[in-house]
Every structure is written in C-alpha cells, then in structure tokens.
Amino acid sequence: MGSSESRPAPVSCLLDLERYPLPDELLVLILSFVPARVLVRRCRPVCRRWRGLVDGPSLWRLHCERRGARGRALLDALRGWAPAHLPWSRLCVLRPLGRNLLRNPCGAGEGAEGLTVNPHFPEEVTEAQRSEVTRPHWCQKRQVVDLLREGLWAELLDDPRAEIHVSDWWGAREDCGCEYALTVQLLAANRQSELARFGVQPDPIPQWNDNAYRQVSHVFRGFGRGVRFVVFRHRGKDSMFWKGHYGARVTHSSLVVRVGPPAVVP
C-alpha cells in the first residue's frame, strides 16, 4: 500500500520517412529484403519516389543477389544482354529466364495418355523424384507452353541472342527393351505456323540392358522472330509387347529460355 512505480511514457519507434527521408541507397538496401510480389503490389504504389526505385535496376540486382541460386541464375541469364528498359519486376516475379517452363516434369501426378507413374529409378538423375512409364503401344505426353504468359516478352524472344534449351531423360527396365521419341516445335502466335522443329528417335534399348537413363537435349538458336509457343511431345513404348506398363521411362523433362552471349564483332 502506498507507493507505486511510475512507468516511462511510451516511445514511438516509427520512422517518419516524410520528415526524415532516407537516402536512396539506404532505401534500396532495405527494400531489397522485401519479397518480389510485395515490392510490386504494395511498395511501388506508395509514392513517385518508391515507384522509381522499384522500376529501376539497382534494387532488383541486389534483390537477385540475396535470393541465392535462383537469383544468380537470373543474373547469369541476363549477362551481356541488358537493354535500357528491361522489365526487372516482371523478370523477378515470374522468373521466366533460367526456369523450367514445363509443368510436372517428373511425373509427380497422374500420367498422360497411356502413361503411369513409377517412383523408382536410378540415382544418376539426382534431381528427379519420379518417372512415367509407357505401355506396349505408342503413348505420348504433350505440353503447349505459352511463352508470353510465362513472363517472357516479344522483344526478348525476337532478339538473336534468345535461346531455347530442351532436355529429356529416358530409359528402360533391365528386363524389357523400349523405344522413345521426342519432338519439339516452335510456333508463331497463331499456334499453326511452325518456325523451327527438333525431332529425335534414338536407337531402341534392347532387353537385358544396363537400366541406365539416357539424356536427349537440344538448343534452339537463331530461330528468327515471331516464336510465341513451344510444343513439347515425347513418346514411348516397350518392345516386348507385355501387358502393363513396361515401356520407356521418361523423367526430368525441361524447357528453359536463356539469353546467349553477345555476338563478337571482328
């Protein structure tokens, strides 16, 4: 009874950026820790100054450096190719460069036409988790990738340095041979005009094989202007005509857009 301790008045910890604005260099450093989507949706509309920082390259370069392997992959993809109005926010939010644009590349869900999922396969393909197995007749999986919807833009796709990398892994059971084929088409905006094509059907794998996966890959370069869609289709079947899913195993399919080095002027 009697005495009571007096409490100090609360101190506001808020920083009045309007009265005491931070230097651009310090503000860019702070904003570089903010997630990309928050930067675009919440920070950019704050004021004209913040909009200018979010639209500029300095913030996004620092942002990429803080994002580990993914950020470095984007910076590597843009090395030697940086036009004046490069859409950094679009690149960092959607990550269209250096990213696999194919959905379900390792058969994580249900298989496609005549395919089933196989959870076991050799250790040499370390990144993949599953593969898809075909039947005795030709079975296929086909994807159409809309490059503009994935975050790319016409000026980049029409640039001579644009590259489209495709890759696929395929193999067979040790006790059952198989056949495999891959076709990739580059299409114009109408989805009908074919501007470039890659097709391969390797020699069949015989019965009693080494049970190893083989890689098929190709890089499209100098494909000209107008590419807007990519059709990725792989097929497989077994050569023993056994009932069930004993045919070609396909996994770790990839479709990646990169920017090649600038042309060397003699």
Protein backbone atom coordinates (compact mmCIF):
# COMPACT_ATOMS: atom_id res chain seq x y z
CA MET A 1 0.00 0.00 0.00
CA GLY A 2 1.21 3.48 -0.60
CA SER A 3 4.00 3.69 -3.17
CA SER A 4 3.56 2.91 -6.84
CA GLU A 5 6.20 2.83 -9.53
CA SER A 6 5.84 5.36 -12.31
CA ARG A 7 6.17 3.97 -15.81
CA PRO A 8 8.03 5.90 -18.50
CA ALA A 9 6.00 7.31 -21.32
CA PRO A 10 5.92 5.04 -24.37
CA VAL A 11 8.39 5.96 -27.08
CA SER A 12 7.27 5.74 -30.67
CA CYS A 13 9.58 3.59 -32.77
CA LEU A 14 8.04 4.60 -36.08
CA LEU A 15 10.32 6.39 -38.50
CA ASP A 16 8.76 9.43 -40.14
CA LEU A 17 10.06 8.98 -43.69
CA GLU A 18 8.22 12.08 -44.84
CA ARG A 19 10.04 14.39 -42.44
CA TYR A 20 13.31 12.45 -42.40
CA PRO A 21 13.62 10.74 -45.80
CA LEU A 22 16.26 8.06 -46.16
CA PRO A 23 18.87 8.32 -48.90
CA ASP A 24 18.03 6.31 -51.99
CA GLU A 25 20.98 3.98 -51.41
CA LEU A 26 19.77 3.06 -47.91
CA LEU A 27 16.14 2.72 -49.00
CA VAL A 28 17.16 0.40 -51.85
CA LEU A 29 19.13 -1.70 -49.38
CA ILE A 30 16.09 -2.04 -47.09
CA LEU A 31 13.66 -2.78 -49.92
CA SER A 32 15.94 -5.49 -51.30
CA PHE A 33 14.88 -7.73 -48.38
CA VAL A 34 11.18 -7.46 -49.35
CA PRO A 35 9.66 -10.31 -51.44
CA ALA A 36 9.29 -9.52 -55.14
CA ARG A 37 5.49 -9.62 -55.27
CA VAL A 38 5.20 -7.35 -52.23
CA LEU A 39 7.57 -4.87 -53.85
CA VAL A 40 5.38 -4.67 -56.94
CA ARG A 41 1.95 -4.77 -55.30
CA ARG A 42 2.49 -2.86 -52.05
CA CYS A 43 5.70 -0.82 -52.20
CA ARG A 44 5.54 0.53 -55.74
CA PRO A 45 2.22 2.43 -55.27
CA VAL A 46 3.45 4.24 -52.11
CA CYS A 47 4.76 7.34 -53.90
CA ARG A 48 6.53 8.52 -57.03
CA ARG A 49 9.95 8.09 -55.45
CA TRP A 50 9.32 4.49 -54.41
CA ARG A 51 7.88 3.73 -57.83
CA GLY A 52 11.07 4.98 -59.45
CA LEU A 53 13.22 2.78 -57.19
CA VAL A 54 11.08 -0.32 -57.78
CA ASP A 55 11.15 0.25 -61.54
CA GLY A 56 14.93 0.72 -61.60
CA PRO A 57 17.61 -1.96 -62.00
CA SER A 58 19.65 -1.31 -58.82
CA LEU A 59 17.02 -2.65 -56.42
CA TRP A 60 16.38 -5.79 -58.45
CA ARG A 61 20.04 -6.63 -58.98
CA LEU A 62 20.56 -6.50 -55.23
CA HIS A 63 17.32 -8.43 -54.72
CA CYS A 64 18.56 -11.21 -57.03
CA GLU A 65 21.89 -11.44 -55.23
CA ARG A 66 20.02 -12.06 -51.97
CA ARG A 67 17.89 -14.86 -53.43
CA GLY A 68 20.64 -17.47 -53.69
CA ALA A 69 20.80 -19.84 -56.65
CA ARG A 70 17.57 -18.66 -58.27
CA GLY A 71 18.60 -15.03 -58.23
CA ARG A 72 22.08 -15.80 -59.52
CA ALA A 73 20.58 -17.90 -62.33
CA LEU A 74 18.56 -14.91 -63.47
CA LEU A 75 21.56 -12.59 -63.39
CA ASP A 76 23.61 -15.15 -65.32
CA ALA A 77 20.85 -15.43 -67.92
CA LEU A 78 20.90 -11.67 -68.46
CA ARG A 79 24.67 -11.31 -68.56
CA GLY A 80 25.68 -9.39 -71.66
CA TRP A 81 22.06 -8.52 -72.53
CA ALA A 82 20.58 -5.56 -70.70
CA PRO A 83 18.55 -3.09 -72.79
CA ALA A 84 17.62 0.28 -71.34
CA HIS A 85 14.06 -0.66 -70.40
CA LEU A 86 14.50 -4.21 -69.15
CA PRO A 87 11.36 -5.17 -67.12
CA TRP A 88 13.14 -6.19 -63.93
CA SER A 89 9.99 -6.55 -61.84
CA ARG A 90 8.44 -8.92 -64.40
CA LEU A 91 11.64 -10.95 -64.53
CA CYS A 92 11.97 -11.28 -60.76
CA VAL A 93 8.30 -12.01 -60.03
CA LEU A 94 7.62 -14.52 -62.83
CA ARG A 95 11.24 -15.74 -63.28
CA PRO A 96 10.81 -16.72 -66.95
CA LEU A 97 14.57 -16.94 -67.65
CA GLY A 98 16.55 -19.91 -66.39
CA ARG A 99 13.39 -21.63 -65.07
CA ASN A 100 11.89 -24.89 -66.29
CA LEU A 101 8.67 -23.83 -68.06
CA LEU A 102 7.27 -27.38 -68.30
CA ARG A 103 4.61 -28.47 -65.83
CA ASN A 104 5.04 -31.73 -63.93
CA PRO A 105 8.44 -32.58 -65.47
CA CYS A 106 8.99 -35.67 -63.31
CA GLY A 107 5.55 -37.27 -63.30
CA ALA A 108 4.53 -36.11 -59.82
CA GLY A 109 0.85 -36.59 -60.59
CA GLU A 110 -1.17 -38.85 -62.84
CA GLY A 111 0.42 -39.84 -66.13
CA ALA A 112 -0.65 -38.65 -69.56
CA GLU A 113 -2.05 -40.67 -72.45
CA GLY A 114 -1.20 -44.30 -71.69
CA LEU A 115 1.41 -43.44 -69.05
CA THR A 116 1.68 -44.33 -65.38
CA VAL A 117 3.93 -43.07 -62.58
CA ASN A 118 6.99 -45.04 -61.48
CA PRO A 119 8.52 -43.91 -58.14
CA HIS A 120 11.79 -45.87 -58.52
CA PHE A 121 14.66 -45.06 -60.78
CA PRO A 122 18.48 -44.86 -60.76
CA GLU A 123 20.46 -42.42 -58.69
CA GLU A 124 22.28 -40.76 -61.57
CA VAL A 125 19.28 -38.47 -62.26
CA THR A 126 19.52 -36.96 -58.79
CA GLU A 127 17.07 -34.06 -59.11
CA ALA A 128 14.11 -36.07 -60.35
CA GLN A 129 11.75 -37.83 -57.98
CA ARG A 130 9.65 -39.97 -60.29
CA SER A 131 9.34 -41.12 -63.87
CA GLU A 132 6.44 -42.01 -66.14
CA VAL A 133 6.22 -45.43 -67.78
CA THR A 134 4.59 -46.19 -71.12
CA ARG A 135 2.61 -49.19 -72.39
CA PRO A 136 3.27 -51.66 -75.28
CA HIS A 137 1.79 -49.26 -77.88
CA TRP A 138 3.00 -45.74 -78.57
CA CYS A 139 1.98 -43.48 -75.67
CA GLN A 140 2.66 -39.77 -75.53
CA LYS A 141 2.72 -36.71 -73.30
CA ARG A 142 2.29 -33.30 -74.94
CA GLN A 143 2.54 -29.81 -73.49
CA VAL A 144 2.00 -26.43 -75.15
CA VAL A 145 3.91 -23.61 -73.42
CA ASP A 146 2.69 -20.03 -73.89
CA LEU A 147 5.95 -18.08 -73.62
CA LEU A 148 4.30 -14.68 -73.13
CA ARG A 149 2.07 -15.98 -70.35
CA GLU A 150 5.11 -17.42 -68.58
CA GLY A 151 6.58 -13.92 -68.31
CA LEU A 152 8.69 -13.53 -71.44
CA TRP A 153 8.12 -10.67 -73.84
CA ALA A 154 8.24 -10.22 -77.60
CA GLU A 155 11.40 -8.09 -77.73
CA LEU A 156 13.43 -10.74 -75.93
CA LEU A 157 12.04 -13.68 -77.93
CA ASP A 158 12.77 -11.84 -81.19
CA ASP A 159 16.33 -10.98 -80.16
CA PRO A 160 19.00 -13.04 -81.99
CA ARG A 161 20.60 -13.98 -78.67
CA ALA A 162 17.49 -15.71 -77.32
CA GLU A 163 18.00 -19.46 -76.80
CA ILE A 164 15.51 -22.24 -76.01
CA HIS A 165 17.07 -25.25 -74.26
CA VAL A 166 15.15 -28.55 -74.22
CA SER A 167 16.15 -31.74 -72.45
CA ASP A 168 14.63 -35.10 -71.53
CA TRP A 169 15.76 -38.28 -69.76
CA TRP A 170 14.56 -41.70 -70.85
CA GLY A 171 15.37 -45.32 -70.07
CA ALA A 172 14.06 -48.87 -69.85
CA ARG A 173 13.59 -51.68 -67.39
CA GLU A 174 16.53 -54.04 -67.22
CA ASP A 175 14.42 -56.96 -68.45
CA CYS A 176 12.37 -55.15 -71.12
CA GLY A 177 13.51 -53.10 -74.10
CA CYS A 178 11.78 -49.93 -75.27
CA GLU A 179 11.56 -47.24 -77.93
CA TYR A 180 11.44 -43.47 -77.39
CA ALA A 181 10.94 -40.32 -79.48
CA LEU A 182 10.96 -36.58 -78.76
CA THR A 183 9.56 -33.75 -80.88
CA VAL A 184 9.74 -30.04 -80.04
CA GLN A 185 8.11 -27.36 -82.21
CA LEU A 186 8.44 -23.57 -82.06
CA LEU A 187 5.19 -21.96 -83.17
CA ALA A 188 4.08 -18.44 -84.06
CA ALA A 189 1.30 -16.53 -82.31
CA ASN A 190 -1.41 -18.28 -84.36
CA ARG A 191 -0.27 -21.68 -82.94
CA GLN A 192 -0.20 -23.03 -86.50
CA SER A 193 2.90 -21.68 -88.24
CA GLU A 194 5.95 -23.78 -87.37
CA LEU A 195 9.12 -21.69 -87.22
CA ALA A 196 11.55 -24.38 -86.04
CA ARG A 197 11.49 -28.06 -85.11
CA PHE A 198 13.68 -30.62 -83.35
CA GLY A 199 12.93 -34.32 -83.53
CA VAL A 200 14.88 -37.37 -82.45
CA GLN A 201 14.17 -41.09 -82.15
CA PRO A 202 17.27 -42.81 -80.71
CA ASP A 203 18.08 -46.46 -81.28
CA PRO A 204 15.81 -48.72 -79.20
CA ILE A 205 17.11 -50.05 -75.91
CA PRO A 206 17.30 -53.87 -76.03
CA GLN A 207 16.12 -56.33 -73.42
CA TRP A 208 18.63 -57.05 -70.65
CA ASN A 209 20.17 -53.60 -70.67
CA ASP A 210 22.11 -51.57 -68.08
CA ASN A 211 18.91 -49.98 -66.66
CA ALA A 212 20.51 -46.54 -67.11
CA TYR A 213 18.81 -43.31 -68.11
CA ARG A 214 19.90 -41.51 -71.28
CA GLN A 215 19.64 -37.79 -71.95
CA VAL A 216 18.34 -36.13 -75.09
CA SER A 217 18.96 -32.39 -75.42
CA HIS A 218 18.91 -29.61 -77.97
CA VAL A 219 19.39 -25.83 -78.05
CA PHE A 220 17.38 -23.68 -80.47
CA ARG A 221 19.44 -20.70 -81.64
CA GLY A 222 18.84 -18.19 -84.39
CA PHE A 223 15.22 -19.27 -84.85
CA GLY A 224 14.14 -15.83 -86.04
CA ARG A 225 11.32 -13.56 -85.00
CA GLY A 226 7.78 -14.48 -84.02
CA VAL A 227 8.16 -17.51 -81.71
CA ARG A 228 5.43 -17.38 -79.05
CA PHE A 229 4.58 -21.03 -78.27
CA VAL A 230 6.58 -24.23 -77.77
CA VAL A 231 5.09 -27.71 -78.19
CA PHE A 232 6.98 -30.42 -76.24
CA ARG A 233 5.94 -34.01 -77.05
CA HIS A 234 7.65 -37.24 -76.06
CA ARG A 235 6.51 -40.78 -76.85
CA GLY A 236 7.49 -44.27 -75.79
CA LYS A 237 6.58 -47.95 -75.88
CA ASP A 238 8.06 -51.28 -74.87
CA SER A 239 9.47 -53.71 -77.44
CA MET A 240 8.30 -56.93 -75.76
CA PHE A 241 4.54 -56.24 -76.01
CA TRP A 242 4.00 -57.23 -72.40
CA LYS A 243 0.68 -56.40 -70.79
CA GLY A 244 1.04 -53.48 -68.39
CA HIS A 245 3.42 -50.55 -68.11
CA TYR A 246 6.87 -51.90 -69.03
CA GLY A 247 7.84 -49.44 -71.76
CA ALA A 248 10.02 -46.35 -71.93
CA ARG A 249 10.50 -44.36 -68.74
CA VAL A 250 10.68 -40.59 -69.14
CA THR A 251 11.58 -38.04 -66.48
CA HIS A 252 13.19 -34.69 -65.73
CA SER A 253 11.87 -33.05 -68.89
CA SER A 254 12.86 -29.40 -69.21
CA LEU A 255 12.26 -26.35 -71.36
CA VAL A 256 14.39 -23.34 -70.40
CA VAL A 257 14.75 -19.96 -72.10
CA ARG A 258 18.14 -18.28 -71.76
CA VAL A 259 19.99 -15.35 -73.29
CA GLY A 260 23.18 -16.22 -75.12
CA PRO A 261 26.38 -14.16 -75.18
CA PRO A 262 26.51 -11.07 -77.39
CA ALA A 263 27.86 -11.50 -80.88
CA VAL A 264 31.58 -10.89 -81.24
CA VAL A 265 32.34 -8.13 -83.71
CA PRO A 266 35.66 -8.79 -85.55
